[in-house]
Amino acid sequence: MSEVANANAPLRRNLGAAILTLVASGGTLVCCVLPAVMVSLGAGAALAGLVTNVPQLIWMSEHKALVFGVATVMLALSGAMLWRARSLPCPADPAAAATCRRLRTASAALWWFALVAVTTGAAFAFVLPLLVA
């Protein structure tokens, strides 16, 4: 069984990088999309209560360029790792090959979800304010 674990180690690293990328891109949604949606839905009081309980949201909003920079770098690194690993062979063992394919699919799905999250956050943080002003 340790041979299966060793064969899938690069794929597990890619899955870990995809999860970290998703967390970083989730920060863009929390920083910029959540407040805009809450205010536009008339939930300004709920937003004020949220900011009171989680004051880090103010820091994230004030430093949104840094938040987006980190998320974009993580997205690029994770994408490069996925691209590089796409042509790695899966093990010959059927069970290990199935795990290999499953990890590749999960990593790619998480990466695309993170890309959508960063793009949505960027639209709310940088594009929509230009259109409204």
Protein backbone atom coordinates (compact mmCIF):
# COMPACT_ATOMS: atom_id res chain seq x y z
CA MET A 1 0.00 0.00 0.00
CA SER A 2 2.96 2.34 0.56
CA GLU A 3 3.78 2.06 -3.16
CA VAL A 4 0.34 3.48 -3.95
CA ALA A 5 0.88 6.34 -1.50
CA ASN A 6 4.33 7.09 -2.97
CA ALA A 7 2.99 7.03 -6.54
CA ASN A 8 0.22 9.49 -5.70
CA ALA A 9 2.39 11.87 -3.62
CA PRO A 10 2.74 14.49 -6.41
CA LEU A 11 -0.99 14.40 -6.99
CA ARG A 12 -1.69 14.84 -3.28
CA ARG A 13 0.63 17.87 -3.27
CA ASN A 14 -1.33 19.28 -6.22
CA LEU A 15 -4.59 18.69 -4.36
CA GLY A 16 -3.13 20.47 -1.32
CA ALA A 17 -2.03 23.40 -3.48
CA ALA A 18 -5.49 23.55 -5.06
CA ILE A 19 -7.10 23.63 -1.60
CA LEU A 20 -4.77 26.44 -0.45
CA THR A 21 -5.57 28.32 -3.64
CA LEU A 22 -9.27 27.90 -2.96
CA VAL A 23 -8.83 29.27 0.56
CA ALA A 24 -6.86 32.27 -0.75
CA SER A 25 -9.44 32.96 -3.44
CA GLY A 26 -12.21 32.59 -0.87
CA GLY A 27 -10.62 35.54 0.89
CA THR A 28 -11.32 37.66 -2.18
CA LEU A 29 -14.99 36.76 -1.96
CA VAL A 30 -15.15 37.56 1.74
CA CYS A 31 -13.27 40.83 1.31
CA CYS A 32 -15.18 42.27 -1.59
CA VAL A 33 -18.21 40.29 -2.76
CA LEU A 34 -19.85 39.60 0.60
CA PRO A 35 -20.06 43.26 1.72
CA ALA A 36 -21.28 44.45 -1.70
CA VAL A 37 -23.98 41.79 -1.90
CA MET A 38 -25.13 42.38 1.68
CA VAL A 39 -25.43 46.14 1.18
CA SER A 40 -27.21 45.77 -2.16
CA LEU A 41 -29.71 43.37 -0.56
CA GLY A 42 -30.41 45.88 2.21
CA ALA A 43 -28.56 43.95 4.87
CA GLY A 44 -26.31 46.81 5.95
CA ALA A 45 -27.15 46.26 9.63
CA ALA A 46 -26.21 42.59 9.33
CA LEU A 47 -22.94 43.63 7.67
CA ALA A 48 -22.25 46.04 10.53
CA GLY A 49 -22.83 43.22 13.02
CA LEU A 50 -20.56 40.93 11.00
CA VAL A 51 -17.78 43.51 10.90
CA THR A 52 -18.15 44.06 14.64
CA ASN A 53 -17.69 40.34 15.29
CA VAL A 54 -15.02 39.79 12.61
CA PRO A 55 -12.95 42.99 12.41
CA GLN A 56 -10.44 41.30 10.07
CA LEU A 57 -12.92 41.99 7.25
CA ILE A 58 -12.01 45.68 7.49
CA TRP A 59 -8.31 44.88 7.16
CA MET A 60 -9.01 42.65 4.16
CA SER A 61 -11.07 45.37 2.49
CA GLU A 62 -8.39 47.99 3.13
CA HIS A 63 -5.69 45.71 1.70
CA LYS A 64 -7.64 44.18 -1.16
CA ALA A 65 -4.73 44.59 -3.59
CA LEU A 66 -2.59 42.40 -1.32
CA VAL A 67 -5.42 39.87 -0.90
CA PHE A 68 -5.89 39.64 -4.67
CA GLY A 69 -2.14 39.53 -5.25
CA VAL A 70 -1.70 36.56 -2.93
CA ALA A 71 -4.71 34.79 -4.43
CA THR A 72 -3.45 35.38 -7.97
CA VAL A 73 0.06 34.13 -7.15
CA MET A 74 -1.41 31.03 -5.48
CA LEU A 75 -3.66 30.49 -8.49
CA ALA A 76 -0.72 30.78 -10.90
CA LEU A 77 1.50 28.43 -8.86
CA SER A 78 -1.25 25.88 -8.45
CA GLY A 79 -2.10 26.07 -12.14
CA ALA A 80 1.55 25.54 -13.07
CA MET A 81 1.73 22.50 -10.78
CA LEU A 82 -1.43 21.06 -12.30
CA TRP A 83 -0.18 21.71 -15.83
CA ARG A 84 3.14 20.04 -15.09
CA ALA A 85 1.47 17.02 -13.46
CA ARG A 86 -1.07 16.50 -16.24
CA SER A 87 1.27 14.26 -18.21
CA LEU A 88 2.64 12.26 -15.29
CA PRO A 89 1.74 8.61 -15.65
CA CYS A 90 -0.69 7.03 -13.24
CA PRO A 91 0.37 3.77 -11.58
CA ALA A 92 -0.32 0.45 -13.31
CA ASP A 93 -2.24 -0.88 -10.32
CA PRO A 94 -5.99 -0.38 -11.06
CA ALA A 95 -6.80 0.90 -7.56
CA ALA A 96 -3.89 3.34 -7.58
CA ALA A 97 -4.77 4.46 -11.12
CA ALA A 98 -8.35 5.18 -10.04
CA THR A 99 -7.07 7.21 -7.09
CA CYS A 100 -4.69 9.04 -9.41
CA ARG A 101 -7.49 9.99 -11.80
CA ARG A 102 -9.76 11.02 -8.93
CA LEU A 103 -7.08 13.29 -7.43
CA ARG A 104 -6.40 14.89 -10.83
CA THR A 105 -10.09 15.57 -11.33
CA ALA A 106 -10.52 16.99 -7.82
CA SER A 107 -7.46 19.22 -8.18
CA ALA A 108 -8.63 20.58 -11.53
CA ALA A 109 -12.17 21.20 -10.26
CA LEU A 110 -10.88 23.07 -7.21
CA TRP A 111 -8.56 25.14 -9.40
CA TRP A 112 -11.37 26.18 -11.75
CA PHE A 113 -13.62 27.00 -8.79
CA ALA A 114 -10.85 29.16 -7.31
CA LEU A 115 -10.40 30.93 -10.66
CA VAL A 116 -14.12 31.74 -10.76
CA ALA A 117 -13.94 33.01 -7.17
CA VAL A 118 -10.98 35.32 -7.89
CA THR A 119 -12.59 36.61 -11.09
CA THR A 120 -15.88 37.31 -9.30
CA GLY A 121 -14.06 39.04 -6.46
CA ALA A 122 -12.03 41.15 -8.89
CA ALA A 123 -15.18 42.20 -10.70
CA PHE A 124 -16.76 43.37 -7.45
CA ALA A 125 -13.59 44.99 -6.09
CA PHE A 126 -12.14 46.70 -9.14
CA VAL A 127 -14.53 46.73 -12.12
CA LEU A 128 -17.96 47.48 -10.63
CA PRO A 129 -16.78 50.56 -8.68
CA LEU A 130 -15.56 52.05 -11.97
CA LEU A 131 -18.92 51.43 -13.62
CA VAL A 132 -20.92 52.89 -10.75
CA ALA A 133 -18.80 56.02 -10.31
